Amino acid sequence: MRIVSSIARKIVAFLRSVERAMREESVHAIEQELKELESAFLLMILGSFVGVRTMTPLLSLELLEGLQEEVELLRERAFKGEDVIGEVASALGGGT
């Protein structure tokens, strides 16, 4: 009887660890998907600044409200003389 309960505990522990690993992998996949969606959104909105036309300028300006923090960051970097276009391209997944 002890052997059966020991085996049952080990199986339960194994299944819990498999569940935990699957949950962590799922969270990682969702985080990666979020990064990809953010990159696509940035490309749609800010693409015209680097020569990629994806939507009309009027629609881009309407959606730009959702990027207030990012635009403020780009403005601060431009004021400091940093490479703003390089940062945008890097945010879009470009570069080395």
Foldseek 3Di string as FASTA:
>chain_A
DVVVVVVVVVVVVVVVVVVVVVVVVVVVVVVVVVLLVVLVVLCQQVVVVVPDHDDDPVVSVVVCVVVVVVVVVLVVCVVVVHDSVVVSCVSNVDDD
